Amino acid sequence: MSSFAFDGTKVVLREERWRHIVLRHPELKNEAELILDVVGHPDEVYVDPTGAFHALKRVSSVSDFLVVIYSVNDEGYIRTAYYTSNIRKTRRYKAFRKLIPS
């Protein structure tokens, strides 16, 4: 499965990564389309010190935000995805560079 990121980069969700996400975060097992949507239409995007992008979208069904982490080499690829609270988001992302404001 693939989508285009907010900046036009093609991002792929590989089968191996999908298995990782579902194994570690079973609450996301039916959310592949939502994960791809977060990459293309995030509310906030941060860049970590390694250069990976953290796309966040506000969701209210399970938690405050869905986080999708992806890296870009020649092609973008999703590394993982998980739900997080607003408190944890604030704590984790205060030192990261913000690309898209909320």
C-alpha atoms as a PDB file:
ATOM      1  CA  MET A   1       0.000   0.000   0.000  1.00  0.00           C
ATOM      2  CA  SER A   2       1.192   3.514  -0.648  1.00  0.00           C
ATOM      3  CA  SER A   3       0.202   7.136  -0.381  1.00  0.00           C
ATOM      4  CA  PHE A   4       1.718  10.535  -0.951  1.00  0.00           C
ATOM      5  CA  ALA A   5       2.986  12.519   2.018  1.00  0.00           C
ATOM      6  CA  PHE A   6       1.962  16.104   2.669  1.00  0.00           C
ATOM      7  CA  ASP A   7       5.041  17.275   0.719  1.00  0.00           C
ATOM      8  CA  GLY A   8       4.404  15.045  -2.322  1.00  0.00           C
ATOM      9  CA  THR A   9       6.851  12.257  -1.402  1.00  0.00           C
ATOM     10  CA  LYS A  10       5.586   8.759  -2.153  1.00  0.00           C
ATOM     11  CA  VAL A  11       5.395   6.746   1.076  1.00  0.00           C
ATOM     12  CA  VAL A  12       4.966   2.963   1.155  1.00  0.00           C
ATOM     13  CA  LEU A  13       3.500   0.785   3.887  1.00  0.00           C
ATOM     14  CA  ARG A  14       5.306  -2.513   3.366  1.00  0.00           C
ATOM     15  CA  GLU A  15       3.838  -5.837   4.473  1.00  0.00           C
ATOM     16  CA  GLU A  16       6.634  -6.412   7.008  1.00  0.00           C
ATOM     17  CA  ARG A  17       6.032  -3.005   8.603  1.00  0.00           C
ATOM     18  CA  TRP A  18       2.258  -3.570   8.619  1.00  0.00           C
ATOM     19  CA  ARG A  19       2.799  -6.839  10.526  1.00  0.00           C
ATOM     20  CA  HIS A  20       5.040  -4.973  12.993  1.00  0.00           C
ATOM     21  CA  ILE A  21       2.379  -2.301  13.573  1.00  0.00           C
ATOM     22  CA  VAL A  22      -0.434  -4.806  14.099  1.00  0.00           C
ATOM     23  CA  LEU A  23       1.701  -7.008  16.360  1.00  0.00           C
ATOM     24  CA  ARG A  24       2.827  -4.111  18.577  1.00  0.00           C
ATOM     25  CA  HIS A  25      -0.403  -2.087  18.343  1.00  0.00           C
ATOM     26  CA  PRO A  26      -3.335  -4.456  17.689  1.00  0.00           C
ATOM     27  CA  GLU A  27      -5.839  -1.602  18.064  1.00  0.00           C
ATOM     28  CA  LEU A  28      -4.660  -0.463  14.599  1.00  0.00           C
ATOM     29  CA  LYS A  29      -5.419  -3.744  12.785  1.00  0.00           C
ATOM     30  CA  ASN A  30      -8.297  -2.242  10.766  1.00  0.00           C
ATOM     31  CA  GLU A  31      -6.736   1.192  10.318  1.00  0.00           C
ATOM     32  CA  ALA A  32      -4.375   0.867   7.331  1.00  0.00           C
ATOM     33  CA  GLU A  33      -6.286   3.503   5.360  1.00  0.00           C
ATOM     34  CA  LEU A  34      -6.255   5.877   8.337  1.00  0.00           C
ATOM     35  CA  ILE A  35      -2.486   5.424   8.693  1.00  0.00           C
ATOM     36  CA  LEU A  36      -1.992   6.342   5.034  1.00  0.00           C
ATOM     37  CA  ASP A  37      -4.356   9.309   5.448  1.00  0.00           C
ATOM     38  CA  VAL A  38      -2.289  10.643   8.354  1.00  0.00           C
ATOM     39  CA  VAL A  39       0.805  10.693   6.125  1.00  0.00           C
ATOM     40  CA  GLY A  40      -1.015  12.631   3.414  1.00  0.00           C
ATOM     41  CA  HIS A  41      -3.105  14.939   5.578  1.00  0.00           C
ATOM     42  CA  PRO A  42      -1.438  15.409   8.980  1.00  0.00           C
ATOM     43  CA  ASP A  43      -2.417  18.039  11.517  1.00  0.00           C
ATOM     44  CA  GLU A  44       1.196  18.331  12.680  1.00  0.00           C
ATOM     45  CA  VAL A  45       4.552  17.080  11.395  1.00  0.00           C
ATOM     46  CA  TYR A  46       7.818  16.927  13.300  1.00  0.00           C
ATOM     47  CA  VAL A  47      11.327  15.880  12.250  1.00  0.00           C
ATOM     48  CA  ASP A  48      13.382  13.919  14.770  1.00  0.00           C
ATOM     49  CA  PRO A  49      17.183  14.121  15.123  1.00  0.00           C
ATOM     50  CA  THR A  50      17.656  11.171  12.712  1.00  0.00           C
ATOM     51  CA  GLY A  51      15.611  12.897   9.983  1.00  0.00           C
ATOM     52  CA  ALA A  52      12.504  10.709  10.336  1.00  0.00           C
ATOM     53  CA  PHE A  53       9.127  12.399   9.957  1.00  0.00           C
ATOM     54  CA  HIS A  54       6.465  12.084  12.644  1.00  0.00           C
ATOM     55  CA  ALA A  55       3.037  12.837  11.176  1.00  0.00           C
ATOM     56  CA  LEU A  56       0.266  13.353  13.728  1.00  0.00           C
ATOM     57  CA  LYS A  57      -3.461  13.569  13.239  1.00  0.00           C
ATOM     58  CA  ARG A  58      -6.007  14.353  15.908  1.00  0.00           C
ATOM     59  CA  VAL A  59      -8.398  11.435  16.451  1.00  0.00           C
ATOM     60  CA  SER A  60     -10.968  11.122  19.174  1.00  0.00           C
ATOM     61  CA  SER A  61     -12.121   7.530  18.817  1.00  0.00           C
ATOM     62  CA  VAL A  62      -9.290   5.905  20.791  1.00  0.00           C
ATOM     63  CA  SER A  63      -6.803   8.554  21.905  1.00  0.00           C
ATOM     64  CA  ASP A  64      -5.869  12.155  21.191  1.00  0.00           C
ATOM     65  CA  PHE A  65      -3.489  11.572  18.256  1.00  0.00           C
ATOM     66  CA  LEU A  66      -2.446   8.908  15.772  1.00  0.00           C
ATOM     67  CA  VAL A  67       1.303   9.112  15.149  1.00  0.00           C
ATOM     68  CA  VAL A  68       2.838   7.702  11.956  1.00  0.00           C
ATOM     69  CA  ILE A  69       6.628   7.666  11.762  1.00  0.00           C
ATOM     70  CA  TYR A  70       8.219   7.398   8.338  1.00  0.00           C
ATOM     71  CA  SER A  71      11.644   7.829   6.811  1.00  0.00           C
ATOM     72  CA  VAL A  72      12.634   8.980   3.346  1.00  0.00           C
ATOM     73  CA  ASN A  73      15.601   7.633   1.402  1.00  0.00           C
ATOM     74  CA  ASP A  74      15.001   7.209  -2.325  1.00  0.00           C
ATOM     75  CA  GLU A  75      11.413   6.435  -1.390  1.00  0.00           C
ATOM     76  CA  GLY A  76       9.471   7.034   1.790  1.00  0.00           C
ATOM     77  CA  TYR A  77       8.498   4.104   3.975  1.00  0.00           C
ATOM     78  CA  ILE A  78       6.391   3.886   7.111  1.00  0.00           C
ATOM     79  CA  ARG A  79       8.310   2.583  10.102  1.00  0.00           C
ATOM     80  CA  THR A  80       5.562   2.416  12.720  1.00  0.00           C
ATOM     81  CA  ALA A  81       2.285   3.901  13.903  1.00  0.00           C
ATOM     82  CA  TYR A  82       0.603   4.212  17.281  1.00  0.00           C
ATOM     83  CA  TYR A  83      -1.902   6.223  19.291  1.00  0.00           C
ATOM     84  CA  THR A  84      -0.704   8.755  21.854  1.00  0.00           C
ATOM     85  CA  SER A  85      -2.219  11.217  24.299  1.00  0.00           C
ATOM     86  CA  ASN A  86      -1.891  14.973  24.137  1.00  0.00           C
ATOM     87  CA  ILE A  87       0.255  14.945  27.300  1.00  0.00           C
ATOM     88  CA  ARG A  88       2.716  12.401  25.865  1.00  0.00           C
ATOM     89  CA  LYS A  89       2.781  14.246  22.515  1.00  0.00           C
ATOM     90  CA  THR A  90       3.656  17.520  24.219  1.00  0.00           C
ATOM     91  CA  ARG A  91       6.443  15.906  26.244  1.00  0.00           C
ATOM     92  CA  ARG A  92       7.928  13.923  23.337  1.00  0.00           C
ATOM     93  CA  TYR A  93       7.873  16.536  20.598  1.00  0.00           C
ATOM     94  CA  LYS A  94       9.026  19.664  22.449  1.00  0.00           C
ATOM     95  CA  ALA A  95      12.621  19.164  21.233  1.00  0.00           C
ATOM     96  CA  PHE A  96      11.761  18.151  17.638  1.00  0.00           C
ATOM     97  CA  ARG A  97      11.620  20.546  14.699  1.00  0.00           C
ATOM     98  CA  LYS A  98       8.014  21.301  13.755  1.00  0.00           C
ATOM     99  CA  LEU A  99       7.082  21.528  10.064  1.00  0.00           C
ATOM    100  CA  ILE A 100       3.301  21.918  10.107  1.00  0.00           C
ATOM    101  CA  PRO A 101       1.656  23.907  12.920  1.00  0.00           C
ATOM    102  CA  SER A 102      -1.466  22.626  14.624  1.00  0.00           C
END
